[in-house]
Structure formats: C-alpha cells, structure tokens
Amino acid sequence: MTVPLEHPFVVAVKPLVDAMGGELLAPAAAEPDDVVLTWEGEELLAVRLPQLSESLDHILAALERRYGRPLAELDRRTKQSVVQGLEARGAFSVRHGVETVASALGVSRFTVYNYINYANEQRARSLDGDTTTG
C-alpha cells in the first residue's frame, strides 16, 4: 500500500509534516519510532520524524526561504529576532546548535549568546511591564 496523497486527511497533515521536516510513509513501512496515523479506524499513513539535528537544518532552510535570502545577509535586528524564535523552539538544546546557527547567520558563537541574552532580557522586561529598551 502506498500513501494516498489525495486523501483529505493526508492533504491536511502534509503541510505540518513538511514543516517539521518529516516524511510520509505507508503504514506497512513504519519502523518502531515512526508515528502511525489512523483515520476512521484504518491505519492511513505513517510519519517519520527527523532527527533533532536535521530539524535545526530544516528550520534554518525554512527561515532562509521566508526571508528570501541567506540568513547571513539579514540586518542585526532581524538576526536577533531569528535567534529569539529559535530559542523559543529549543534550537539551542541541540548539540552544536549555537555553532550551527552562528554559521548560518554569519556571526560568532559569542554574538549568538549575546542575542540570546538580549532576547531573555526583553522577555523579562515584558513580564515585569517595563517597556523601555536597553
């Protein structure tokens, strides 16, 4: 059995699977770590999730598509925003995450850590109700 790509459920979940960097499979091809999805009592498809390190590469590629250019060409404020979003998604818990992001942004690891600290300070200020910038 192959994955029925025209099925409404498959059409609905495919953008999510693509955004995560996952792969659609027939249920019979599923391995123990894959997620088998059932529709109306029938195993319809399986999803193979990427390894965490692959996910970070996928996220960075998606960000480049969103901005329409390499991340290294973004201005400082946009790079800070990118780092803030990646921090919120747990990108820096991945081994070599900071180095990978620094390379993609064309900055040093030290700069990425500064951006993370800046984002954390901004978040703390917003929680305290302080709207001034530092």
N, C-alpha and C. Protein backbone atom coordinates (compact mmCIF):
# COMPACT_ATOMS: atom_id res chain seq x y z
N MET A 1 0.84 -1.18 0.00
CA MET A 1 0.00 0.00 0.00
C MET A 1 0.89 1.25 0.00
N THR A 2 0.50 2.22 -0.77
CA THR A 2 1.21 3.50 -0.79
C THR A 2 0.39 4.53 -0.03
N VAL A 3 0.99 5.66 0.25
CA VAL A 3 0.29 6.74 0.95
C VAL A 3 -0.69 7.38 -0.04
N PRO A 4 -1.99 7.43 0.32
CA PRO A 4 -3.00 8.03 -0.56
C PRO A 4 -2.92 9.57 -0.50
N LEU A 5 -2.09 10.16 -1.36
CA LEU A 5 -1.80 11.59 -1.27
C LEU A 5 -3.01 12.49 -1.48
N GLU A 6 -4.07 11.97 -2.12
CA GLU A 6 -5.26 12.78 -2.36
C GLU A 6 -6.26 12.70 -1.21
N HIS A 7 -6.05 11.80 -0.27
CA HIS A 7 -6.99 11.64 0.84
C HIS A 7 -7.04 12.95 1.64
N PRO A 8 -8.24 13.40 2.05
CA PRO A 8 -8.36 14.69 2.76
C PRO A 8 -7.50 14.77 4.02
N PHE A 9 -7.37 13.67 4.74
CA PHE A 9 -6.56 13.68 5.96
C PHE A 9 -5.08 13.89 5.62
N VAL A 10 -4.62 13.21 4.58
CA VAL A 10 -3.22 13.34 4.16
C VAL A 10 -2.97 14.77 3.67
N VAL A 11 -3.91 15.31 2.90
CA VAL A 11 -3.80 16.69 2.42
C VAL A 11 -3.71 17.65 3.61
N ALA A 12 -4.47 17.36 4.67
CA ALA A 12 -4.50 18.24 5.85
C ALA A 12 -3.20 18.17 6.65
N VAL A 13 -2.61 16.99 6.81
CA VAL A 13 -1.42 16.87 7.66
C VAL A 13 -0.11 17.08 6.91
N LYS A 14 -0.12 16.98 5.59
CA LYS A 14 1.12 17.08 4.83
C LYS A 14 1.87 18.40 5.07
N PRO A 15 1.20 19.57 5.09
CA PRO A 15 1.95 20.80 5.36
C PRO A 15 2.65 20.79 6.72
N LEU A 16 2.01 20.20 7.72
CA LEU A 16 2.63 20.11 9.04
C LEU A 16 3.84 19.19 9.01
N VAL A 17 3.69 18.04 8.37
CA VAL A 17 4.80 17.08 8.27
C VAL A 17 5.96 17.72 7.51
N ASP A 18 5.65 18.42 6.42
CA ASP A 18 6.70 19.09 5.64
C ASP A 18 7.40 20.15 6.48
N ALA A 19 6.64 20.93 7.24
CA ALA A 19 7.22 22.00 8.07
C ALA A 19 8.15 21.44 9.13
N MET A 20 7.85 20.24 9.61
CA MET A 20 8.70 19.61 10.62
C MET A 20 9.89 18.90 10.00
N GLY A 21 9.88 18.75 8.69
CA GLY A 21 10.95 18.02 8.04
C GLY A 21 10.73 16.52 8.10
N GLY A 22 9.47 16.13 8.33
CA GLY A 22 9.13 14.71 8.41
C GLY A 22 8.92 14.09 7.04
N GLU A 23 8.63 12.80 7.06
CA GLU A 23 8.44 12.05 5.82
C GLU A 23 7.17 11.22 5.95
N LEU A 24 6.33 11.24 4.91
CA LEU A 24 5.12 10.41 4.88
C LEU A 24 5.48 9.03 4.36
N LEU A 25 4.93 8.00 5.01
CA LEU A 25 5.19 6.62 4.63
C LEU A 25 3.89 5.83 4.65
N ALA A 26 3.90 4.71 3.95
CA ALA A 26 2.80 3.77 4.09
C ALA A 26 2.91 3.12 5.47
N PRO A 27 1.79 2.81 6.11
CA PRO A 27 1.85 2.20 7.45
C PRO A 27 2.70 0.93 7.51
N ALA A 28 2.69 0.15 6.44
CA ALA A 28 3.47 -1.09 6.42
C ALA A 28 4.97 -0.82 6.45
N ALA A 29 5.39 0.37 6.04
CA ALA A 29 6.81 0.72 6.02
C ALA A 29 7.27 1.35 7.33
N ALA A 30 6.35 1.52 8.27
CA ALA A 30 6.67 2.19 9.53
C ALA A 30 7.64 1.37 10.37
N GLU A 31 8.57 2.08 10.98
CA GLU A 31 9.50 1.48 11.93
C GLU A 31 9.04 1.84 13.33
N PRO A 32 9.62 1.24 14.37
CA PRO A 32 9.13 1.47 15.74
C PRO A 32 9.07 2.94 16.17
N ASP A 33 9.98 3.78 15.69
CA ASP A 33 9.98 5.19 16.10
C ASP A 33 9.05 6.06 15.26
N ASP A 34 8.46 5.51 14.22
CA ASP A 34 7.55 6.27 13.38
C ASP A 34 6.18 6.37 14.04
N VAL A 35 5.41 7.37 13.62
CA VAL A 35 4.07 7.59 14.17
C VAL A 35 3.05 7.16 13.11
N VAL A 36 2.25 6.16 13.44
CA VAL A 36 1.21 5.69 12.52
C VAL A 36 -0.08 6.45 12.84
N LEU A 37 -0.66 7.06 11.80
CA LEU A 37 -1.89 7.84 11.96
C LEU A 37 -3.07 7.05 11.42
N THR A 38 -4.14 7.06 12.19
CA THR A 38 -5.34 6.29 11.86
C THR A 38 -6.47 7.25 11.50
N TRP A 39 -7.24 6.88 10.48
CA TRP A 39 -8.40 7.66 10.05
C TRP A 39 -9.58 6.71 9.97
N GLU A 40 -10.61 6.98 10.76
CA GLU A 40 -11.83 6.17 10.79
C GLU A 40 -11.52 4.68 10.95
N GLY A 41 -10.63 4.38 11.88
CA GLY A 41 -10.31 3.00 12.21
C GLY A 41 -9.31 2.33 11.29
N GLU A 42 -8.83 3.02 10.29
CA GLU A 42 -7.88 2.43 9.34
C GLU A 42 -6.54 3.14 9.45
N GLU A 43 -5.47 2.35 9.52
CA GLU A 43 -4.13 2.93 9.51
C GLU A 43 -3.89 3.51 8.12
N LEU A 44 -3.83 4.83 8.04
CA LEU A 44 -3.79 5.50 6.75
C LEU A 44 -2.38 5.86 6.29
N LEU A 45 -1.57 6.32 7.22
CA LEU A 45 -0.20 6.69 6.88
C LEU A 45 0.66 6.69 8.13
N ALA A 46 1.94 6.73 7.89
CA ALA A 46 2.91 6.84 8.98
C ALA A 46 3.76 8.07 8.73
N VAL A 47 4.27 8.64 9.81
CA VAL A 47 5.13 9.81 9.71
C VAL A 47 6.47 9.48 10.36
N ARG A 48 7.52 9.70 9.61
CA ARG A 48 8.87 9.54 10.16
C ARG A 48 9.38 10.94 10.49
N LEU A 49 9.63 11.15 11.77
CA LEU A 49 10.12 12.45 12.23
C LEU A 49 11.63 12.53 12.04
N PRO A 50 12.15 13.71 11.76
CA PRO A 50 13.59 13.85 11.57
C PRO A 50 14.33 13.80 12.89
N GLN A 51 15.62 13.52 12.82
CA GLN A 51 16.47 13.63 13.99
C GLN A 51 16.56 15.10 14.37
N LEU A 52 16.82 15.41 15.63
CA LEU A 52 16.86 16.80 16.08
C LEU A 52 17.84 17.65 15.27
N SER A 53 19.01 17.12 14.99
CA SER A 53 20.00 17.91 14.25
C SER A 53 19.49 18.22 12.84
N GLU A 54 18.79 17.27 12.23
CA GLU A 54 18.20 17.51 10.92
C GLU A 54 17.10 18.56 11.01
N SER A 55 16.37 18.56 12.12
CA SER A 55 15.30 19.54 12.30
C SER A 55 15.86 20.95 12.30
N LEU A 56 16.98 21.18 12.96
CA LEU A 56 17.56 22.51 13.01
C LEU A 56 17.96 22.96 11.61
N ASP A 57 18.57 22.08 10.84
CA ASP A 57 18.92 22.43 9.46
C ASP A 57 17.67 22.75 8.66
N HIS A 58 16.61 21.99 8.87
CA HIS A 58 15.35 22.22 8.16
C HIS A 58 14.75 23.57 8.56
N ILE A 59 14.79 23.89 9.84
CA ILE A 59 14.26 25.17 10.33
C ILE A 59 15.05 26.33 9.72
N LEU A 60 16.37 26.21 9.69
CA LEU A 60 17.20 27.28 9.12
C LEU A 60 16.92 27.45 7.63
N ALA A 61 16.74 26.35 6.91
CA ALA A 61 16.41 26.44 5.49
C ALA A 61 15.05 27.10 5.28
N ALA A 62 14.09 26.77 6.15
CA ALA A 62 12.77 27.39 6.05
C ALA A 62 12.85 28.90 6.33
N LEU A 63 13.69 29.29 7.28
CA LEU A 63 13.87 30.72 7.56
C LEU A 63 14.48 31.44 6.37
N GLU A 64 15.43 30.81 5.71
CA GLU A 64 16.01 31.43 4.51
C GLU A 64 14.96 31.60 3.42
N ARG A 65 14.08 30.60 3.27
CA ARG A 65 13.00 30.73 2.29
C ARG A 65 12.06 31.87 2.68
N ARG A 66 11.75 31.97 3.97
CA ARG A 66 10.84 33.01 4.44
C ARG A 66 11.40 34.41 4.17
N TYR A 67 12.69 34.59 4.45
CA TYR A 67 13.30 35.91 4.26
C TYR A 67 13.78 36.14 2.83
N GLY A 68 13.82 35.09 2.03
CA GLY A 68 14.18 35.24 0.63
C GLY A 68 15.65 35.46 0.36
N ARG A 69 16.49 35.14 1.33
CA ARG A 69 17.93 35.30 1.15
C ARG A 69 18.65 34.57 2.28
N PRO A 70 19.97 34.38 2.13
CA PRO A 70 20.73 33.73 3.20
C PRO A 70 20.60 34.51 4.51
N LEU A 71 20.54 33.80 5.61
CA LEU A 71 20.38 34.45 6.91
C LEU A 71 21.55 35.37 7.22
N ALA A 72 22.72 35.08 6.70
CA ALA A 72 23.89 35.92 6.95
C ALA A 72 23.71 37.32 6.37
N GLU A 73 22.80 37.49 5.42
CA GLU A 73 22.57 38.80 4.80
C GLU A 73 21.53 39.64 5.54
N LEU A 74 20.92 39.10 6.59
CA LEU A 74 19.91 39.85 7.35
C LEU A 74 20.56 40.93 8.20
N ASP A 75 19.79 41.97 8.53
CA ASP A 75 20.31 43.01 9.42
C ASP A 75 20.33 42.49 10.87
N ARG A 76 21.00 43.24 11.74
CA ARG A 76 21.21 42.80 13.12
C ARG A 76 19.89 42.55 13.84
N ARG A 77 18.93 43.47 13.73
CA ARG A 77 17.66 43.29 14.44
C ARG A 77 16.92 42.04 13.97
N THR A 78 16.96 41.79 12.68
CA THR A 78 16.30 40.59 12.16
C THR A 78 17.01 39.34 12.64
N LYS A 79 18.33 39.37 12.69
CA LYS A 79 19.08 38.22 13.22
C LYS A 79 18.72 37.99 14.69
N GLN A 80 18.57 39.07 15.46
CA GLN A 80 18.16 38.93 16.86
C GLN A 80 16.79 38.28 16.94
N SER A 81 15.89 38.68 16.06
CA SER A 81 14.55 38.10 16.04
C SER A 81 14.60 36.62 15.67
N VAL A 82 15.45 36.28 14.71
CA VAL A 82 15.62 34.87 14.32
C VAL A 82 16.11 34.06 15.52
N VAL A 83 17.12 34.57 16.22
CA VAL A 83 17.67 33.86 17.38
C VAL A 83 16.61 33.73 18.46
N GLN A 84 15.82 34.77 18.68
CA GLN A 84 14.76 34.71 19.68
C GLN A 84 13.76 33.60 19.33
N GLY A 85 13.37 33.52 18.07
CA GLY A 85 12.45 32.47 17.64
C GLY A 85 13.04 31.08 17.78
N LEU A 86 14.32 30.95 17.43
CA LEU A 86 14.99 29.66 17.57
C LEU A 86 15.12 29.25 19.03
N GLU A 87 15.40 30.22 19.89
CA GLU A 87 15.49 29.95 21.33
C GLU A 87 14.15 29.44 21.84
N ALA A 88 13.06 30.07 21.41
CA ALA A 88 11.72 29.65 21.85
C ALA A 88 11.40 28.24 21.37
N ARG A 89 11.97 27.83 20.25
CA ARG A 89 11.72 26.50 19.70
C ARG A 89 12.69 25.45 20.22
N GLY A 90 13.62 25.84 21.09
CA GLY A 90 14.55 24.88 21.68
C GLY A 90 15.73 24.53 20.79
N ALA A 91 16.02 25.37 19.81
CA ALA A 91 17.08 25.06 18.86
C ALA A 91 18.45 24.96 19.51
N PHE A 92 18.63 25.64 20.62
CA PHE A 92 19.96 25.66 21.22
C PHE A 92 20.17 24.52 22.22
N SER A 93 19.17 23.66 22.37
CA SER A 93 19.34 22.46 23.18
C SER A 93 19.94 21.33 22.35
N VAL A 94 19.97 21.51 21.04
CA VAL A 94 20.56 20.53 20.14
C VAL A 94 22.08 20.68 20.19
N ARG A 95 22.76 19.56 20.23
CA ARG A 95 24.23 19.60 20.25
C ARG A 95 24.75 20.42 19.06
N HIS A 96 25.63 21.32 19.33
CA HIS A 96 26.22 22.23 18.34
C HIS A 96 25.20 23.19 17.74
N GLY A 97 24.08 23.38 18.42
CA GLY A 97 23.04 24.28 17.92
C GLY A 97 23.53 25.70 17.78
N VAL A 98 24.24 26.20 18.78
CA VAL A 98 24.74 27.57 18.73
C VAL A 98 25.72 27.73 17.56
N GLU A 99 26.61 26.77 17.40
CA GLU A 99 27.58 26.84 16.31
C GLU A 99 26.89 26.79 14.95
N THR A 100 25.89 25.93 14.82
CA THR A 100 25.16 25.80 13.56
C THR A 100 24.45 27.10 13.21
N VAL A 101 23.79 27.69 14.20
CA VAL A 101 23.07 28.94 13.97
C VAL A 101 24.05 30.07 13.69
N ALA A 102 25.14 30.13 14.44
CA ALA A 102 26.14 31.18 14.21
C ALA A 102 26.66 31.12 12.78
N SER A 103 26.94 29.93 12.31
CA SER A 103 27.43 29.76 10.95
C SER A 103 26.39 30.23 9.93
N ALA A 104 25.14 29.86 10.15
CA ALA A 104 24.07 30.27 9.22
C ALA A 104 23.88 31.78 9.21
N LEU A 105 24.03 32.41 10.38
CA LEU A 105 23.84 33.86 10.48
C LEU A 105 25.09 34.66 10.09
N GLY A 106 26.21 33.96 9.95
CA GLY A 106 27.45 34.65 9.61
C GLY A 106 28.00 35.47 10.76
N VAL A 107 27.79 34.98 11.99
CA VAL A 107 28.26 35.67 13.19
C VAL A 107 29.02 34.67 14.06
N SER A 108 29.60 35.16 15.13
CA SER A 108 30.33 34.28 16.05
C SER A 108 29.37 33.64 17.06
N ARG A 109 29.84 32.60 17.72
CA ARG A 109 29.06 31.99 18.81
C ARG A 109 28.78 33.03 19.88
N PHE A 110 29.78 33.85 20.18
CA PHE A 110 29.64 34.90 21.19
C PHE A 110 28.47 35.82 20.85
N THR A 111 28.35 36.18 19.57
CA THR A 111 27.25 37.05 19.14
C THR A 111 25.91 36.35 19.33
N VAL A 112 25.83 35.07 19.00
CA VAL A 112 24.57 34.33 19.21
C VAL A 112 24.21 34.33 20.69
N TYR A 113 25.19 34.09 21.57
CA TYR A 113 24.91 34.13 23.01
C TYR A 113 24.44 35.52 23.43
N ASN A 114 25.03 36.56 22.86
CA ASN A 114 24.57 37.92 23.17
C ASN A 114 23.12 38.12 22.72
N TYR A 115 22.77 37.61 21.54
CA TYR A 115 21.40 37.72 21.05
C TYR A 115 20.44 36.96 21.97
N ILE A 116 20.86 35.79 22.44
CA ILE A 116 20.02 35.01 23.37
C ILE A 116 19.82 35.80 24.66
N ASN A 117 20.90 36.35 25.19
CA ASN A 117 20.79 37.15 26.42
C ASN A 117 19.89 38.35 26.22
N TYR A 118 20.02 39.02 25.09
CA TYR A 118 19.18 40.18 24.77
C TYR A 118 17.70 39.76 24.73
N ALA A 119 17.42 38.64 24.08
CA ALA A 119 16.04 38.15 23.99
C ALA A 119 15.49 37.83 25.38
N ASN A 120 16.32 37.21 26.22
CA ASN A 120 15.88 36.89 27.58
C ASN A 120 15.62 38.15 28.40
N GLU A 121 16.47 39.17 28.22
CA GLU A 121 16.26 40.45 28.92
C GLU A 121 14.96 41.10 28.45
N GLN A 122 14.71 41.08 27.14
CA GLN A 122 13.48 41.67 26.60
C GLN A 122 12.26 40.94 27.15
N ARG A 123 12.34 39.61 27.22
CA ARG A 123 11.23 38.82 27.73
C ARG A 123 10.99 39.14 29.20
N ALA A 124 12.06 39.26 29.99
CA ALA A 124 11.92 39.57 31.41
C ALA A 124 11.31 40.96 31.60
N ARG A 125 11.74 41.92 30.79
CA ARG A 125 11.17 43.27 30.87
C ARG A 125 9.68 43.25 30.56
N SER A 126 9.30 42.51 29.53
CA SER A 126 7.88 42.49 29.16
C SER A 126 7.05 41.83 30.25
N LEU A 127 7.60 40.85 30.94
CA LEU A 127 6.88 40.21 32.04
C LEU A 127 6.75 41.15 33.23
N ASP A 128 7.76 42.01 33.41
CA ASP A 128 7.73 42.98 34.51
C ASP A 128 6.93 44.22 34.16
N GLY A 129 6.52 44.34 32.90
CA GLY A 129 5.76 45.52 32.48
C GLY A 129 6.63 46.70 32.11
N ASP A 130 7.95 46.51 32.05
CA ASP A 130 8.88 47.57 31.69
C ASP A 130 8.99 47.59 30.17
N THR A 131 8.62 48.71 29.56
CA THR A 131 8.64 48.79 28.10
C THR A 131 9.85 49.55 27.57
N THR A 132 10.77 49.96 28.45
CA THR A 132 11.96 50.66 27.98
C THR A 132 12.93 49.65 27.39
N THR A 133 13.76 50.09 26.48
CA THR A 133 14.76 49.20 25.89
C THR A 133 16.11 49.54 26.45
N GLY A 134 17.02 48.56 26.39
CA GLY A 134 18.34 48.78 26.98
C GLY A 134 19.38 48.55 26.05
